[in-house]
């Protein structure tokens, strides 16, 4: 049986700019403790589409785990800005809560 990482990589061959697939792959890498690969994917996603809201929270959490607090705060802030523009109140509140927990 093909594992999830292999399957998602196969799908990405056919759709290399699919940010949903890249996000899913980053989450799989996080599950196995490979923050380095997950980080590359999140950076790629947000460089390609800064409005891909779902990646801000996960990427900032990854940065927090890796003691990059300043950068995590910047991604929380940017995510809150994007969420507000998109009227995504739930995402805004999740990002704001995580942001506040980190600064206090």
N, C-alpha and C. Protein backbone atom coordinates (compact mmCIF):
# COMPACT_ATOMS: atom_id res chain seq x y z
N UNK A 1 0.84 -1.19 0.00
CA UNK A 1 0.00 0.00 0.00
C UNK A 1 0.89 1.25 0.00
N UNK A 2 0.53 2.18 -0.83
CA UNK A 2 1.30 3.42 -0.93
C UNK A 2 0.94 4.32 0.25
N UNK A 3 1.94 4.87 0.90
CA UNK A 3 1.63 5.75 2.02
C UNK A 3 1.15 7.11 1.52
N UNK A 4 0.63 7.90 2.42
CA UNK A 4 0.03 9.18 2.04
C UNK A 4 1.02 10.13 1.39
N UNK A 5 2.23 10.20 1.90
CA UNK A 5 3.22 11.10 1.33
C UNK A 5 3.50 10.72 -0.12
N UNK A 6 3.69 9.45 -0.38
CA UNK A 6 3.94 9.00 -1.75
C UNK A 6 2.75 9.31 -2.65
N UNK A 7 1.55 9.06 -2.17
CA UNK A 7 0.34 9.30 -2.96
C UNK A 7 0.18 10.78 -3.30
N UNK A 8 0.39 11.65 -2.29
CA UNK A 8 0.26 13.08 -2.55
C UNK A 8 1.34 13.55 -3.53
N UNK A 9 2.56 13.03 -3.38
CA UNK A 9 3.62 13.38 -4.32
C UNK A 9 3.27 12.96 -5.74
N UNK A 10 2.64 11.81 -5.89
CA UNK A 10 2.19 11.37 -7.22
C UNK A 10 1.16 12.34 -7.80
N UNK A 11 0.24 12.78 -6.97
CA UNK A 11 -0.78 13.73 -7.42
C UNK A 11 -0.15 15.07 -7.79
N UNK A 12 0.87 15.47 -7.05
CA UNK A 12 1.54 16.74 -7.33
C UNK A 12 2.31 16.72 -8.65
N UNK A 13 2.69 15.55 -9.11
CA UNK A 13 3.36 15.46 -10.41
C UNK A 13 2.40 15.96 -11.50
N UNK A 14 1.13 15.61 -11.34
CA UNK A 14 0.12 16.01 -12.32
C UNK A 14 -0.41 17.43 -12.09
N UNK A 15 -0.28 17.91 -10.86
CA UNK A 15 -0.80 19.24 -10.52
C UNK A 15 0.20 19.95 -9.60
N UNK A 16 1.36 20.35 -10.16
CA UNK A 16 2.44 20.87 -9.33
C UNK A 16 2.14 22.18 -8.60
N UNK A 17 1.11 22.90 -9.00
CA UNK A 17 0.79 24.16 -8.34
C UNK A 17 -0.46 24.06 -7.48
N UNK A 18 -0.86 22.86 -7.15
CA UNK A 18 -2.06 22.65 -6.33
C UNK A 18 -1.71 22.89 -4.86
N UNK A 19 -2.08 24.05 -4.37
CA UNK A 19 -1.73 24.40 -2.99
C UNK A 19 -2.44 23.54 -1.96
N UNK A 20 -3.62 23.06 -2.27
CA UNK A 20 -4.31 22.16 -1.35
C UNK A 20 -3.49 20.89 -1.15
N UNK A 21 -2.97 20.32 -2.24
CA UNK A 21 -2.13 19.13 -2.14
C UNK A 21 -0.83 19.42 -1.39
N UNK A 22 -0.23 20.56 -1.68
CA UNK A 22 1.01 20.92 -0.98
C UNK A 22 0.76 21.09 0.52
N UNK A 23 -0.37 21.70 0.85
CA UNK A 23 -0.72 21.88 2.26
C UNK A 23 -0.91 20.51 2.93
N UNK A 24 -1.62 19.63 2.25
CA UNK A 24 -1.84 18.29 2.80
C UNK A 24 -0.51 17.56 2.99
N UNK A 25 0.39 17.71 2.04
CA UNK A 25 1.70 17.08 2.13
C UNK A 25 2.50 17.66 3.31
N UNK A 26 2.43 18.97 3.48
CA UNK A 26 3.13 19.60 4.61
C UNK A 26 2.61 19.04 5.93
N UNK A 27 1.30 18.84 6.04
CA UNK A 27 0.73 18.29 7.27
C UNK A 27 1.20 16.86 7.50
N UNK A 28 1.34 16.09 6.42
CA UNK A 28 1.87 14.73 6.56
C UNK A 28 3.32 14.75 7.03
N UNK A 29 4.10 15.67 6.51
CA UNK A 29 5.49 15.79 6.96
C UNK A 29 5.54 16.17 8.44
N UNK A 30 4.65 17.06 8.87
CA UNK A 30 4.61 17.43 10.29
C UNK A 30 4.32 16.21 11.15
N UNK A 31 3.40 15.37 10.69
CA UNK A 31 3.03 14.17 11.45
C UNK A 31 4.23 13.25 11.71
N UNK A 32 5.16 13.21 10.75
CA UNK A 32 6.32 12.33 10.92
C UNK A 32 7.54 13.09 11.46
N UNK A 33 7.34 14.36 11.84
CA UNK A 33 8.41 15.13 12.44
C UNK A 33 9.39 15.75 11.47
N UNK A 34 9.00 15.86 10.21
CA UNK A 34 9.90 16.44 9.22
C UNK A 34 9.49 17.90 8.97
N UNK A 35 9.80 18.75 9.95
CA UNK A 35 9.45 20.17 9.84
C UNK A 35 10.19 20.87 8.72
N UNK A 36 11.37 20.38 8.37
CA UNK A 36 12.15 21.01 7.30
C UNK A 36 11.39 20.95 5.96
N UNK A 37 10.90 19.79 5.61
CA UNK A 37 10.15 19.65 4.36
C UNK A 37 8.82 20.39 4.43
N UNK A 38 8.17 20.33 5.58
CA UNK A 38 6.90 21.04 5.76
C UNK A 38 7.11 22.54 5.58
N UNK A 39 8.18 23.04 6.16
CA UNK A 39 8.47 24.48 6.04
C UNK A 39 8.64 24.89 4.59
N UNK A 40 9.41 24.10 3.83
CA UNK A 40 9.61 24.40 2.41
C UNK A 40 8.27 24.49 1.68
N UNK A 41 7.39 23.56 1.98
CA UNK A 41 6.09 23.55 1.31
C UNK A 41 5.25 24.76 1.69
N UNK A 42 5.20 25.09 2.99
CA UNK A 42 4.44 26.27 3.41
C UNK A 42 5.00 27.54 2.77
N UNK A 43 6.32 27.65 2.74
CA UNK A 43 6.93 28.82 2.11
C UNK A 43 6.56 28.91 0.64
N UNK A 44 6.57 27.77 -0.04
CA UNK A 44 6.21 27.72 -1.46
C UNK A 44 4.74 28.11 -1.66
N UNK A 45 3.87 27.56 -0.84
CA UNK A 45 2.44 27.85 -0.95
C UNK A 45 2.20 29.35 -0.82
N UNK A 46 2.75 29.95 0.24
CA UNK A 46 2.47 31.35 0.52
C UNK A 46 3.20 32.29 -0.43
N UNK A 47 4.30 31.86 -1.02
CA UNK A 47 4.96 32.67 -2.05
C UNK A 47 4.13 32.66 -3.33
N UNK A 48 3.51 31.53 -3.62
CA UNK A 48 2.71 31.38 -4.84
C UNK A 48 1.34 32.02 -4.69
N UNK A 49 0.75 31.93 -3.50
CA UNK A 49 -0.58 32.47 -3.26
C UNK A 49 -0.71 32.93 -1.81
N UNK A 50 -0.46 34.21 -1.59
CA UNK A 50 -0.50 34.72 -0.22
C UNK A 50 -1.90 34.68 0.39
N UNK A 51 -2.90 34.41 -0.41
CA UNK A 51 -4.28 34.32 0.09
C UNK A 51 -4.67 32.91 0.50
N UNK A 52 -3.74 31.96 0.46
CA UNK A 52 -4.06 30.58 0.87
C UNK A 52 -4.07 30.54 2.39
N UNK A 53 -5.20 30.92 2.93
CA UNK A 53 -5.36 31.21 4.34
C UNK A 53 -5.01 30.05 5.27
N UNK A 54 -5.36 28.84 4.88
CA UNK A 54 -5.16 27.69 5.75
C UNK A 54 -3.72 27.43 6.16
N UNK A 55 -2.79 27.90 5.37
CA UNK A 55 -1.38 27.61 5.67
C UNK A 55 -0.77 28.55 6.71
N UNK A 56 -1.36 29.70 6.93
CA UNK A 56 -0.77 30.65 7.87
C UNK A 56 -0.69 30.08 9.29
N UNK A 57 -1.79 29.54 9.76
CA UNK A 57 -1.83 29.00 11.12
C UNK A 57 -0.83 27.86 11.27
N UNK A 58 -0.90 26.89 10.36
CA UNK A 58 -0.02 25.72 10.47
C UNK A 58 1.45 26.10 10.35
N UNK A 59 1.75 27.03 9.45
CA UNK A 59 3.14 27.44 9.28
C UNK A 59 3.64 28.19 10.51
N UNK A 60 2.81 29.07 11.05
CA UNK A 60 3.22 29.81 12.25
C UNK A 60 3.43 28.86 13.43
N UNK A 61 2.57 27.85 13.55
CA UNK A 61 2.74 26.86 14.63
C UNK A 61 4.06 26.11 14.46
N UNK A 62 4.39 25.75 13.22
CA UNK A 62 5.66 25.08 12.94
C UNK A 62 6.83 25.98 13.35
N UNK A 63 6.75 27.25 13.01
CA UNK A 63 7.80 28.20 13.37
C UNK A 63 7.93 28.32 14.89
N UNK A 64 6.79 28.36 15.57
CA UNK A 64 6.80 28.39 17.04
C UNK A 64 7.56 27.19 17.61
N UNK A 65 7.21 26.00 17.11
CA UNK A 65 7.86 24.77 17.59
C UNK A 65 9.37 24.80 17.40
N UNK A 66 9.78 25.53 16.37
CA UNK A 66 11.20 25.60 16.04
C UNK A 66 11.85 26.88 16.58
N UNK A 67 11.21 27.48 17.57
CA UNK A 67 11.74 28.65 18.28
C UNK A 67 12.03 29.85 17.38
N UNK A 68 11.25 30.00 16.32
CA UNK A 68 11.36 31.18 15.46
C UNK A 68 10.14 32.07 15.74
N UNK A 69 10.10 32.60 16.95
CA UNK A 69 8.94 33.34 17.44
C UNK A 69 8.66 34.59 16.61
N UNK A 70 9.68 35.34 16.29
CA UNK A 70 9.48 36.58 15.54
C UNK A 70 8.81 36.31 14.19
N UNK A 71 9.28 35.30 13.50
CA UNK A 71 8.70 34.98 12.20
C UNK A 71 7.29 34.40 12.36
N UNK A 72 7.09 33.60 13.39
CA UNK A 72 5.76 33.07 13.66
C UNK A 72 4.77 34.20 13.87
N UNK A 73 5.16 35.20 14.64
CA UNK A 73 4.28 36.35 14.88
C UNK A 73 3.95 37.06 13.57
N UNK A 74 4.92 37.20 12.70
CA UNK A 74 4.67 37.86 11.41
C UNK A 74 3.66 37.06 10.56
N UNK A 75 3.77 35.74 10.60
CA UNK A 75 2.82 34.94 9.82
C UNK A 75 1.43 34.95 10.45
N UNK A 76 1.35 34.98 11.76
CA UNK A 76 0.04 35.14 12.40
C UNK A 76 -0.57 36.48 11.99
N UNK A 77 0.23 37.54 12.02
CA UNK A 77 -0.27 38.87 11.66
C UNK A 77 -0.74 38.90 10.21
N UNK A 78 0.06 38.36 9.31
CA UNK A 78 -0.31 38.35 7.89
C UNK A 78 -1.56 37.51 7.69
N UNK A 79 -1.65 36.38 8.37
CA UNK A 79 -2.84 35.54 8.27
C UNK A 79 -4.08 36.25 8.77
N UNK A 80 -3.95 36.99 9.86
CA UNK A 80 -5.10 37.75 10.37
C UNK A 80 -5.53 38.80 9.36
N UNK A 81 -4.57 39.45 8.73
CA UNK A 81 -4.87 40.45 7.70
C UNK A 81 -5.64 39.82 6.53
N UNK A 82 -5.16 38.68 6.06
CA UNK A 82 -5.80 37.98 4.94
C UNK A 82 -7.20 37.52 5.36
N UNK A 83 -7.32 36.98 6.56
CA UNK A 83 -8.62 36.50 7.05
C UNK A 83 -9.62 37.64 7.15
N UNK A 84 -9.16 38.77 7.63
CA UNK A 84 -10.05 39.93 7.76
C UNK A 84 -10.52 40.38 6.38
N UNK A 85 -9.61 40.45 5.42
CA UNK A 85 -9.96 40.86 4.06
C UNK A 85 -10.98 39.90 3.44
N UNK A 86 -10.87 38.61 3.77
CA UNK A 86 -11.74 37.59 3.21
C UNK A 86 -13.00 37.37 4.05
N UNK A 87 -13.15 38.14 5.11
CA UNK A 87 -14.28 37.99 6.05
C UNK A 87 -14.37 36.57 6.60
N UNK A 88 -13.21 35.99 6.86
CA UNK A 88 -13.12 34.65 7.44
C UNK A 88 -12.94 34.79 8.95
N UNK A 89 -14.04 34.98 9.64
CA UNK A 89 -13.99 35.28 11.07
C UNK A 89 -13.42 34.14 11.91
N UNK A 90 -13.77 32.92 11.57
CA UNK A 90 -13.26 31.79 12.34
C UNK A 90 -11.74 31.70 12.24
N UNK A 91 -11.23 31.80 11.01
CA UNK A 91 -9.79 31.74 10.80
C UNK A 91 -9.11 32.92 11.50
N UNK A 92 -9.71 34.10 11.40
CA UNK A 92 -9.15 35.27 12.07
C UNK A 92 -9.03 35.03 13.57
N UNK A 93 -10.10 34.50 14.16
CA UNK A 93 -10.09 34.26 15.61
C UNK A 93 -9.07 33.21 16.02
N UNK A 94 -8.91 32.16 15.22
CA UNK A 94 -7.90 31.13 15.52
C UNK A 94 -6.49 31.72 15.46
N UNK A 95 -6.25 32.51 14.44
CA UNK A 95 -4.93 33.14 14.29
C UNK A 95 -4.68 34.14 15.42
N UNK A 96 -5.69 34.92 15.75
CA UNK A 96 -5.56 35.92 16.81
C UNK A 96 -5.29 35.26 18.16
N UNK A 97 -6.01 34.18 18.45
CA UNK A 97 -5.80 33.48 19.71
C UNK A 97 -4.38 32.94 19.81
N UNK A 98 -3.91 32.31 18.74
CA UNK A 98 -2.55 31.77 18.75
C UNK A 98 -1.52 32.89 18.88
N UNK A 99 -1.77 33.99 18.19
CA UNK A 99 -0.89 35.15 18.24
C UNK A 99 -0.81 35.69 19.68
N UNK A 100 -1.96 35.87 20.29
CA UNK A 100 -2.01 36.40 21.66
C UNK A 100 -1.35 35.47 22.66
N UNK A 101 -1.54 34.15 22.47
CA UNK A 101 -0.89 33.19 23.37
C UNK A 101 0.62 33.27 23.26
N UNK A 102 1.10 33.58 22.07
CA UNK A 102 2.55 33.64 21.86
C UNK A 102 3.15 34.93 22.43
N UNK A 103 2.42 36.02 22.38
CA UNK A 103 3.00 37.29 22.85
C UNK A 103 2.83 37.49 24.35
N UNK A 104 1.94 36.75 24.97
CA UNK A 104 1.71 36.95 26.42
C UNK A 104 2.36 35.88 27.24
